[in-house]
Amino acid sequence: MAEAHQAVAFQFTITPEGIDLQLSYQALNQICQSGVRSWKKRCSRLRNRVIKGVYPASPSSWLFVVIAILATMYMRSDPSMGLITMIQQHLPLSLHVSLSTQGQTMLSALVFSTLLWLSLILALRFCLKLLLSYHQWMFEQHGRVSNTTKVWVTLLRLLSSRKPLLYSYQTSLPHLPVPSIKDTVSRYLKSARPLLTDPEFKRMTELADQFESNLGNRLQRYLKLKALWATNYVSDWWEEYIYLRGRSPIMVNSNYYGMDFMYVTPTSVQSARAGNIITALLLYRRKVNREELKPSRVPGTVIPLCAAQCERMFNTTRTPGVETDVLQHWQDSEFVAVYHKGRFFRLWVYRAGRLLSAREIEHQTQRILDDPSPPQPGEDKLGALTAGDRVPWFQMREQHFSSGINKRSLDSIERAAFFVTLDDEEQGMRGEDPAGNLDRYAKSLLHGKCYDRWFDKSFSIVIYKNGKSGLNAEHSWADAPTVAHLWEYTLATDAFQLGYTEDGHCKGDVDRSLPSPQRLAWDIPSEVQAQVCSSLAVAQALADDVDCHVFPFREFGKGRIKKLRVSPDAFIQIGLQLAYFRDRGGFCLTYEASMTRLFREGRTETVRSCSNETSAFVKALENGETEDQCKRLFRLASEGHQNLYRLAMTGAGIDRHLFCLYVVSKYLGVESPFLKEVLSEPWRLSTSQTPVQQMELFDLKNHPDFISLGGGFGPVADDGYGVSYIIMGEDMINFHVSSKYSCSETDSHRFGAQISKALQDIMTLLSADSKTSSSSSKGTAQPQSKKLL
């Protein structure tokens, strides 16, 4: 009750003597401090809008232009060629009366200088946009840089010399181009060839030709019209139709996870780890709000990537609907939602406008851990509603969470900066079965107990009893590289900046007068409790069916692969094709996620890794062809894969274009047998590389044990595999494999063993005569990056 009284700024009581007014100066002070903090944020946002609005120029350049114009006029020269005089003649009559002739001239000169400055800014931004639209550098051969690219690099560096804010490049990024129907259909047929028999390929070619010559051109016109009007012709439809319109559970099917350090747990004190992790995340949010983060770039270059996905990172929740869900984002939150042993809490992380220290957040978290109160009826498994089917969750929300205490408590979760689970289990690479523990660790992060995560939040942090941590992220608002950037910063800040005392606690002092975290109150009727049980049963069946296998591949890493002058990603993808062929006796449609963030509001594109060249190499190796023949085919497969990746990154992919054409056809109410068949093909092998974007934050030379395990996701197809991998340092690749127990043809552990063997077999083949391999690949086309940009 004491905390409740402190939260009231004033109270009054009517007595016979009059009104007895009681003020809480502590509460009034907090309100005042919060107001000051709010105004500081507004001023900071206004300042940032101005700075990024004039980028690549600076606000101070306006003064330079004004001084230059006035200096020229002082020398009795008219740099405006009569425009200043024209402006002076069109000044309002009131200014003619109140200002002298010299004053009118000065004002006119200021107006002209401002207009000239704005024109120069628009010209610079147009030039920057043109430069960022040039992508030919990516296709040039290693060591053979064209003069055009050299000039382009010089100009880009000149225009990017000023330190940018996080969103400075947004308006200068080019729009995603719409490929031609002919090119997309041609690339599709080429990608489908290794997967189809001759009669099947002939039939698909006929469907494609019919589509290209008739309906395709009509759909393309509508799509080009959208591309002229919209910032990105793909992203809004991709978010809505691929993610938000899904009515099945988002747990496992959509959400993905990220893991902690592999060998190290900075502290075994659960509340201390929570204190540092929460603090690091809030420091990252502060950097995002102030736009102090450096814009992400293509590795080794000055080329910026779109930062739009950062906007909805915090204070965001996916809310259920009948036909489609909605992403709700709030401007800011001063609290996080915490779940522990069936109870929900609201943990305030600001007080009087001040971010609590990590030690204070540890203290508050420990209060939650020490709280002996039991869950309220129906509270403990309430999170299962977010793990089950979407329509029942929408119905319960509308009927029982739209008013009263349930709405207030639900708002506290959905409006929170993020969600935190204080798990009562221990996880990580530990004990006598470290490999098996990693698998259980992955399953715990992917779905937990199906009710102890809030799967609708943009991301949920999990802190285990032994201090291990991880996260579960909702997919619709952003893709894995954005969340990986956040998680890298969090782990590095936790371990290397915030640190811990010798006894494992957070550093700093504690204000003991902090009010306790607030228990959220619920009134859960029997109808909701019945639906919770039903949703939990659906989610539990889905979770029990997931087979996760996480393993570090230590035989070699990118260092040895690069010595062979081969792209590490191409090497791994070809290895995955070989592994799948050995596991299932054939090839399948393969999805590799590539990013299109070279364009404004770009997200992902598909690289169809199972190509003619890759399948030819796999068949040759398995059929016992000569070593030289296999090497030659591998080089062709590697070059072909890199070219597919470059095409996807530069907007010339296949699947997003066909997807948008299909959406247009549905809006027009027309059927396309070609599009229907293409979009119904299952992705039995879905793969993704987790990029390491901030290696400068990790001192692996002095701290080699601080290696990230990366993250993973559930299988896309019921009879397929999901494979995620992260290339750590020079000598390790961590793999995350998932499949379903219900499919007798898949086994994550078996496929993991096939991956390891395939990679080693390819390395043995290429290393048999590494000098010959190296010399034969000198002309291999590789992106110009570190040496050029």
Foldseek 3Di string as FASTA:
>chain_A
DVVVVLCDQWDWDQDPVGIDIGGNVQNVLLVVLVVVLVVVLVVLVVVQCQQLVLPPPGPCVLVVLLVVQVVCVVVVDHPVVCQLVVQLVPDDPVCVVVDDPVRSSSVSSSVVSVVVSVVVSVVLLQVLLVLLLDQVLFFFWPPDDDPVVQVSQVSNCVRCVDQHFQQSCQVSFAEQDFDQLVLQLVVVLQLCVQVDDPVVSVVLVVLSVVCNVPVVVVLVVVLVVVSVVDQYSFQVCCLWVVAFQDQWFCQQQFKWKFFAFAQDQQFQALLQLVLLLVVLLVVVVVCVSSRVDGFFADPQFPQGFAPVLVQQLFQWFWAFDQRGIDIDHDDDDQWAWEDEQLFIWTGGQDTSNHGHHSQQSSVLVVLVVPDPDHHDVLRRQLLLLNRGGRNVSNVCCVPFQPDDLNVVLVCSHSRGRAYEYEAAADAHQDDPCSQVRVQVVQLCQSQNLSRRHNARTQKYKYAYNRNTIMMMGGHSSAHQQVVLVSVVSSNLCSPPPQHADPNRHTDDDYDVPDDHIGTRDDDQDPVSSVVSVVSSVRSVVVSVFKGKGKDKQQPWFQQLVCLLVFDRVLLLLLLLQLLVCVLQVRGAFAWEWAWQRSGNPTHTATQRLNGPLSVVLSVCVVVVHDLVVSLVSSLVSRLVSSVSNSCRNSNNGHDSSLVSSVVSCVVVVHDRPSSVVVVVGFNQEYEYEHEDRCCVSDPCVVVVSRWTLTIWGEGNDQNHKYWYWYGTDGGMIMIMIMHTPVHPSDDRVSSVVSSSVSSVVVSCSCVVPSVVSNVVCSRRGRNDRNVSD
